[in-house]
């Protein structure tokens, strides 16, 4: 039997009046798993960079200006 079939077999044994409690446990479990499952890409999407709107196009201009300001 697969895990899903084993779980279904156990659920079938639970009285009808207790299924709501089981449902709440399952919902809590899935919500907890979904909220903590943040991959590196979703974390990278949260990074905000402050700079001019043309920064990526004129990177050389801005990096040279930075070096000039330091001298």
PDB file of N, CA and C in Angstrom:
ATOM      1  N   UNK A   1       0.838  -1.192   0.000  1.00  0.00           N
ATOM      2  CA  UNK A   1       0.000   0.000   0.000  1.00  0.00           C
ATOM      3  C   UNK A   1       0.882   1.254   0.000  1.00  0.00           C
ATOM      4  N   UNK A   2       0.393   2.267  -0.667  1.00  0.00           N
ATOM      5  CA  UNK A   2       1.105   3.543  -0.658  1.00  0.00           C
ATOM      6  C   UNK A   2       0.794   4.276   0.650  1.00  0.00           C
ATOM      7  N   UNK A   3       1.556   5.287   0.922  1.00  0.00           N
ATOM      8  CA  UNK A   3       1.334   6.083   2.134  1.00  0.00           C
ATOM      9  C   UNK A   3      -0.046   6.715   2.119  1.00  0.00           C
ATOM     10  N   UNK A   4      -0.452   7.190   0.958  1.00  0.00           N
ATOM     11  CA  UNK A   4      -1.762   7.823   0.846  1.00  0.00           C
ATOM     12  C   UNK A   4      -2.875   6.818   1.171  1.00  0.00           C
ATOM     13  N   UNK A   5      -2.722   5.587   0.703  1.00  0.00           N
ATOM     14  CA  UNK A   5      -3.720   4.550   0.986  1.00  0.00           C
ATOM     15  C   UNK A   5      -3.741   4.194   2.470  1.00  0.00           C
ATOM     16  N   UNK A   6      -2.568   4.161   3.089  1.00  0.00           N
ATOM     17  CA  UNK A   6      -2.491   3.881   4.529  1.00  0.00           C
ATOM     18  C   UNK A   6      -3.184   4.983   5.334  1.00  0.00           C
ATOM     19  N   UNK A   7      -2.947   6.226   4.931  1.00  0.00           N
ATOM     20  CA  UNK A   7      -3.597   7.354   5.607  1.00  0.00           C
ATOM     21  C   UNK A   7      -5.105   7.274   5.432  1.00  0.00           C
ATOM     22  N   UNK A   8      -5.545   6.974   4.222  1.00  0.00           N
ATOM     23  CA  UNK A   8      -6.982   6.865   3.955  1.00  0.00           C
ATOM     24  C   UNK A   8      -7.609   5.754   4.793  1.00  0.00           C
ATOM     25  N   UNK A   9      -6.901   4.643   4.938  1.00  0.00           N
ATOM     26  CA  UNK A   9      -7.416   3.525   5.745  1.00  0.00           C
ATOM     27  C   UNK A   9      -7.581   3.951   7.204  1.00  0.00           C
ATOM     28  N   UNK A  10      -6.640   4.718   7.709  1.00  0.00           N
ATOM     29  CA  UNK A  10      -6.740   5.195   9.094  1.00  0.00           C
ATOM     30  C   UNK A  10      -7.871   6.213   9.239  1.00  0.00           C
ATOM     31  N   UNK A  11      -8.038   7.070   8.254  1.00  0.00           N
ATOM     32  CA  UNK A  11      -9.118   8.060   8.287  1.00  0.00           C
ATOM     33  C   UNK A  11     -10.475   7.365   8.307  1.00  0.00           C
ATOM     34  N   UNK A  12     -10.584   6.286   7.551  1.00  0.00           N
ATOM     35  CA  UNK A  12     -11.846   5.546   7.506  1.00  0.00           C
ATOM     36  C   UNK A  12     -12.242   4.977   8.866  1.00  0.00           C
ATOM     37  N   UNK A  13     -11.269   4.795   9.747  1.00  0.00           N
ATOM     38  CA  UNK A  13     -11.545   4.249  11.083  1.00  0.00           C
ATOM     39  C   UNK A  13     -12.036   5.318  12.066  1.00  0.00           C
ATOM     40  N   UNK A  14     -11.850   6.584  11.734  1.00  0.00           N
ATOM     41  CA  UNK A  14     -12.191   7.675  12.656  1.00  0.00           C
ATOM     42  C   UNK A  14     -13.691   7.944  12.590  1.00  0.00           C
ATOM     43  N   UNK A  15     -14.321   8.084  13.769  1.00  0.00           N
ATOM     44  CA  UNK A  15     -15.760   8.399  13.791  1.00  0.00           C
ATOM     45  C   UNK A  15     -16.035   9.760  13.130  1.00  0.00           C
ATOM     46  N   UNK A  16     -17.194   9.881  12.543  1.00  0.00           N
ATOM     47  CA  UNK A  16     -17.585  11.085  11.792  1.00  0.00           C
ATOM     48  C   UNK A  16     -17.473  12.359  12.629  1.00  0.00           C
ATOM     49  N   UNK A  17     -17.848  12.321  13.893  1.00  0.00           N
ATOM     50  CA  UNK A  17     -17.828  13.526  14.721  1.00  0.00           C
ATOM     51  C   UNK A  17     -16.397  14.011  15.033  1.00  0.00           C
ATOM     52  N   UNK A  18     -15.391  13.173  14.831  1.00  0.00           N
ATOM     53  CA  UNK A  18     -14.007  13.589  15.099  1.00  0.00           C
ATOM     54  C   UNK A  18     -13.266  14.020  13.835  1.00  0.00           C
ATOM     55  N   UNK A  19     -13.894  13.921  12.699  1.00  0.00           N
ATOM     56  CA  UNK A  19     -13.227  14.281  11.448  1.00  0.00           C
ATOM     57  C   UNK A  19     -12.917  15.772  11.343  1.00  0.00           C
ATOM     58  N   UNK A  20     -13.750  16.614  11.945  1.00  0.00           N
ATOM     59  CA  UNK A  20     -13.489  18.059  11.909  1.00  0.00           C
ATOM     60  C   UNK A  20     -12.169  18.383  12.616  1.00  0.00           C
ATOM     61  N   UNK A  21     -11.920  17.724  13.736  1.00  0.00           N
ATOM     62  CA  UNK A  21     -10.667  17.943  14.460  1.00  0.00           C
ATOM     63  C   UNK A  21      -9.469  17.490  13.613  1.00  0.00           C
ATOM     64  N   UNK A  22      -9.614  16.356  12.949  1.00  0.00           N
ATOM     65  CA  UNK A  22      -8.545  15.870  12.068  1.00  0.00           C
ATOM     66  C   UNK A  22      -8.325  16.838  10.907  1.00  0.00           C
ATOM     67  N   UNK A  23      -9.405  17.334  10.364  1.00  0.00           N
ATOM     68  CA  UNK A  23      -9.308  18.288   9.262  1.00  0.00           C
ATOM     69  C   UNK A  23      -8.525  19.536   9.696  1.00  0.00           C
ATOM     70  N   UNK A  24      -8.799  20.033  10.896  1.00  0.00           N
ATOM     71  CA  UNK A  24      -8.083  21.208  11.398  1.00  0.00           C
ATOM     72  C   UNK A  24      -6.593  20.907  11.575  1.00  0.00           C
ATOM     73  N   UNK A  25      -6.275  19.708  12.054  1.00  0.00           N
ATOM     74  CA  UNK A  25      -4.863  19.329  12.191  1.00  0.00           C
ATOM     75  C   UNK A  25      -4.163  19.292  10.831  1.00  0.00           C
ATOM     76  N   UNK A  26      -4.844  18.748   9.850  1.00  0.00           N
ATOM     77  CA  UNK A  26      -4.262  18.680   8.506  1.00  0.00           C
ATOM     78  C   UNK A  26      -4.070  20.075   7.932  1.00  0.00           C
ATOM     79  N   UNK A  27      -5.068  20.939   8.103  1.00  0.00           N
ATOM     80  CA  UNK A  27      -4.949  22.314   7.602  1.00  0.00           C
ATOM     81  C   UNK A  27      -3.795  23.049   8.281  1.00  0.00           C
ATOM     82  N   UNK A  28      -3.667  22.905   9.599  1.00  0.00           N
ATOM     83  CA  UNK A  28      -2.564  23.533  10.321  1.00  0.00           C
ATOM     84  C   UNK A  28      -1.216  23.018   9.820  1.00  0.00           C
ATOM     85  N   UNK A  29      -1.147  21.718   9.592  1.00  0.00           N
ATOM     86  CA  UNK A  29       0.092  21.104   9.114  1.00  0.00           C
ATOM     87  C   UNK A  29       0.478  21.644   7.738  1.00  0.00           C
ATOM     88  N   UNK A  30      -0.467  21.689   6.819  1.00  0.00           N
ATOM     89  CA  UNK A  30      -0.152  22.166   5.471  1.00  0.00           C
ATOM     90  C   UNK A  30       0.159  23.656   5.454  1.00  0.00           C
ATOM     91  N   UNK A  31      -0.536  24.439   6.274  1.00  0.00           N
ATOM     92  CA  UNK A  31      -0.244  25.877   6.336  1.00  0.00           C
ATOM     93  C   UNK A  31       1.150  26.122   6.876  1.00  0.00           C
ATOM     94  N   UNK A  32       1.544  25.358   7.889  1.00  0.00           N
ATOM     95  CA  UNK A  32       2.868  25.514   8.474  1.00  0.00           C
ATOM     96  C   UNK A  32       3.938  25.133   7.456  1.00  0.00           C
ATOM     97  N   UNK A  33       3.725  24.063   6.733  1.00  0.00           N
ATOM     98  CA  UNK A  33       4.690  23.627   5.719  1.00  0.00           C
ATOM     99  C   UNK A  33       4.810  24.647   4.600  1.00  0.00           C
ATOM    100  N   UNK A  34       3.694  25.207   4.164  1.00  0.00           N
ATOM    101  CA  UNK A  34       3.712  26.175   3.067  1.00  0.00           C
ATOM    102  C   UNK A  34       4.347  27.492   3.470  1.00  0.00           C
ATOM    103  N   UNK A  35       4.167  27.909   4.711  1.00  0.00           N
ATOM    104  CA  UNK A  35       4.689  29.207   5.126  1.00  0.00           C
ATOM    105  C   UNK A  35       6.196  29.171   5.379  1.00  0.00           C
ATOM    106  N   UNK A  36       6.754  28.019   5.769  1.00  0.00           N
ATOM    107  CA  UNK A  36       8.183  27.945   6.050  1.00  0.00           C
ATOM    108  C   UNK A  36       8.987  27.502   4.842  1.00  0.00           C
ATOM    109  N   UNK A  37       8.333  27.175   3.772  1.00  0.00           N
ATOM    110  CA  UNK A  37       9.007  26.652   2.596  1.00  0.00           C
ATOM    111  C   UNK A  37       9.348  27.797   1.655  1.00  0.00           C
ATOM    112  N   UNK A  38      10.410  28.532   1.975  1.00  0.00           N
ATOM    113  CA  UNK A  38      10.848  29.616   1.117  1.00  0.00           C
ATOM    114  C   UNK A  38      12.204  29.247   0.546  1.00  0.00           C
ATOM    115  N   UNK A  39      12.242  29.125  -0.748  1.00  0.00           N
ATOM    116  CA  UNK A  39      13.490  28.800  -1.416  1.00  0.00           C
ATOM    117  C   UNK A  39      14.349  30.027  -1.595  1.00  0.00           C
ATOM    118  N   UNK A  40      15.515  29.791  -2.102  1.00  0.00           N
ATOM    119  CA  UNK A  40      16.453  30.888  -2.301  1.00  0.00           C
ATOM    120  C   UNK A  40      15.921  31.904  -3.309  1.00  0.00           C
ATOM    121  N   UNK A  41      15.214  31.433  -4.328  1.00  0.00           N
ATOM    122  CA  UNK A  41      14.705  32.370  -5.329  1.00  0.00           C
ATOM    123  C   UNK A  41      13.638  33.292  -4.760  1.00  0.00           C
ATOM    124  N   UNK A  42      12.759  32.762  -3.909  1.00  0.00           N
ATOM    125  CA  UNK A  42      11.744  33.629  -3.324  1.00  0.00           C
ATOM    126  C   UNK A  42      12.368  34.614  -2.341  1.00  0.00           C
ATOM    127  N   UNK A  43      13.463  34.216  -1.701  1.00  0.00           N
ATOM    128  CA  UNK A  43      14.164  35.144  -0.814  1.00  0.00           C
ATOM    129  C   UNK A  43      14.870  36.225  -1.620  1.00  0.00           C
ATOM    130  N   UNK A  44      15.437  35.847  -2.753  1.00  0.00           N
ATOM    131  CA  UNK A  44      16.117  36.826  -3.595  1.00  0.00           C
ATOM    132  C   UNK A  44      15.149  37.833  -4.187  1.00  0.00           C
ATOM    133  N   UNK A  45      13.902  37.416  -4.443  1.00  0.00           N
ATOM    134  CA  UNK A  45      12.907  38.338  -4.983  1.00  0.00           C
ATOM    135  C   UNK A  45      12.592  39.464  -4.010  1.00  0.00           C
ATOM    136  N   UNK A  46      12.861  39.251  -2.728  1.00  0.00           N
ATOM    137  CA  UNK A  46      12.545  40.258  -1.717  1.00  0.00           C
ATOM    138  C   UNK A  46      13.620  41.327  -1.600  1.00  0.00           C
ATOM    139  N   UNK A  47      14.764  41.122  -2.229  1.00  0.00           N
ATOM    140  CA  UNK A  47      15.855  42.098  -2.152  1.00  0.00           C
ATOM    141  C   UNK A  47      15.488  43.330  -2.963  1.00  0.00           C
ATOM    142  N   UNK A  48      15.636  44.474  -2.351  1.00  0.00           N
ATOM    143  CA  UNK A  48      15.363  45.745  -3.018  1.00  0.00           C
ATOM    144  C   UNK A  48      16.669  46.533  -3.099  1.00  0.00           C
ATOM    145  N   UNK A  49      16.942  47.085  -4.256  1.00  0.00           N
ATOM    146  CA  UNK A  49      18.142  47.888  -4.454  1.00  0.00           C
ATOM    147  C   UNK A  49      17.717  49.316  -4.745  1.00  0.00           C
ATOM    148  N   UNK A  50      18.319  50.251  -4.020  1.00  0.00           N
ATOM    149  CA  UNK A  50      18.023  51.646  -4.264  1.00  0.00           C
ATOM    150  C   UNK A  50      19.073  52.204  -5.212  1.00  0.00           C
ATOM    151  N   UNK A  51      18.617  52.767  -6.285  1.00  0.00           N
ATOM    152  CA  UNK A  51      19.541  53.341  -7.251  1.00  0.00           C
ATOM    153  C   UNK A  51      18.766  54.000  -8.367  1.00  0.00           C
ATOM    154  N   UNK A  52      19.476  54.629  -9.274  1.00  0.00           N
ATOM    155  CA  UNK A  52      18.814  55.280 -10.402  1.00  0.00           C
ATOM    156  C   UNK A  52      18.100  54.243 -11.285  1.00  0.00           C
ATOM    157  N   UNK A  53      17.084  54.684 -11.998  1.00  0.00           N
ATOM    158  CA  UNK A  53      16.308  53.764 -12.830  1.00  0.00           C
ATOM    159  C   UNK A  53      17.126  53.218 -13.993  1.00  0.00           C
ATOM    160  N   UNK A  54      18.145  53.936 -14.443  1.00  0.00           N
ATOM    161  CA  UNK A  54      18.960  53.461 -15.560  1.00  0.00           C
ATOM    162  C   UNK A  54      20.264  52.824 -15.075  1.00  0.00           C
ATOM    163  N   UNK A  55      20.308  52.386 -13.857  1.00  0.00           N
ATOM    164  CA  UNK A  55      21.537  51.855 -13.261  1.00  0.00           C
ATOM    165  C   UNK A  55      22.106  50.679 -14.048  1.00  0.00           C
ATOM    166  N   UNK A  56      21.243  49.722 -14.432  1.00  0.00           N
ATOM    167  CA  UNK A  56      21.748  48.545 -15.143  1.00  0.00           C
ATOM    168  C   UNK A  56      22.261  48.902 -16.533  1.00  0.00           C
ATOM    169  N   UNK A  57      21.674  49.899 -17.165  1.00  0.00           N
ATOM    170  CA  UNK A  57      22.084  50.297 -18.516  1.00  0.00           C
ATOM    171  C   UNK A  57      23.388  51.082 -18.458  1.00  0.00           C
ATOM    172  N   UNK A  58      23.524  51.936 -17.467  1.00  0.00           N
ATOM    173  CA  UNK A  58      24.696  52.816 -17.346  1.00  0.00           C
ATOM    174  C   UNK A  58      25.594  52.435 -16.176  1.00  0.00           C
ATOM    175  N   UNK A  59      25.750  51.154 -15.951  1.00  0.00           N
ATOM    176  CA  UNK A  59      26.544  50.696 -14.806  1.00  0.00           C
ATOM    177  C   UNK A  59      27.967  51.248 -14.860  1.00  0.00           C
ATOM    178  N   UNK A  60      28.602  51.202 -16.042  1.00  0.00           N
ATOM    179  CA  UNK A  60      29.980  51.693 -16.169  1.00  0.00           C
ATOM    180  C   UNK A  60      30.086  53.159 -15.767  1.00  0.00           C
ATOM    181  N   UNK A  61      29.123  53.948 -16.182  1.00  0.00           N
ATOM    182  CA  UNK A  61      29.123  55.381 -15.849  1.00  0.00           C
ATOM    183  C   UNK A  61      29.082  55.566 -14.334  1.00  0.00           C
ATOM    184  N   UNK A  62      28.198  54.836 -13.669  1.00  0.00           N
ATOM    185  CA  UNK A  62      28.051  54.999 -12.219  1.00  0.00           C
ATOM    186  C   UNK A  62      29.225  54.420 -11.453  1.00  0.00           C
ATOM    187  N   UNK A  63      29.795  53.313 -11.922  1.00  0.00           N
ATOM    188  CA  UNK A  63      30.935  52.731 -11.204  1.00  0.00           C
ATOM    189  C   UNK A  63      32.166  53.621 -11.362  1.00  0.00           C
ATOM    190  N   UNK A  64      32.362  54.222 -12.541  1.00  0.00           N
ATOM    191  CA  UNK A  64      33.473  55.147 -12.740  1.00  0.00           C
ATOM    192  C   UNK A  64      33.303  56.390 -11.880  1.00  0.00           C
ATOM    193  N   UNK A  65      32.072  56.869 -11.766  1.00  0.00           N
ATOM    194  CA  UNK A  65      31.795  58.044 -10.953  1.00  0.00           C
ATOM    195  C   UNK A  65      32.121  57.737  -9.491  1.00  0.00           C
ATOM    196  N   UNK A  66      31.831  56.550  -9.046  1.00  0.00           N
ATOM    197  CA  UNK A  66      32.143  56.143  -7.667  1.00  0.00           C
ATOM    198  C   UNK A  66      33.643  56.175  -7.430  1.00  0.00           C
ATOM    199  N   UNK A  67      34.434  55.645  -8.386  1.00  0.00           N
ATOM    200  CA  UNK A  67      35.896  55.631  -8.254  1.00  0.00           C
ATOM    201  C   UNK A  67      36.442  57.062  -8.250  1.00  0.00           C
ATOM    202  N   UNK A  68      35.882  57.944  -9.064  1.00  0.00           N
ATOM    203  CA  UNK A  68      36.337  59.333  -9.121  1.00  0.00           C
ATOM    204  C   UNK A  68      36.072  60.053  -7.801  1.00  0.00           C
ATOM    205  N   UNK A  69      34.935  59.748  -7.184  1.00  0.00           N
ATOM    206  CA  UNK A  69      34.575  60.408  -5.924  1.00  0.00           C
ATOM    207  C   UNK A  69      35.512  59.992  -4.783  1.00  0.00           C
ATOM    208  N   UNK A  70      36.065  58.779  -4.859  1.00  0.00           N
ATOM    209  CA  UNK A  70      36.918  58.290  -3.785  1.00  0.00           C
ATOM    210  C   UNK A  70      38.305  58.925  -3.829  1.00  0.00           C
ATOM    211  N   UNK A  71      38.753  59.409  -4.988  1.00  0.00           N
ATOM    212  CA  UNK A  71      40.110  59.946  -5.106  1.00  0.00           C
ATOM    213  C   UNK A  71      40.233  61.337  -4.604  1.00  0.00           C
TER     214      UNK A  71
END
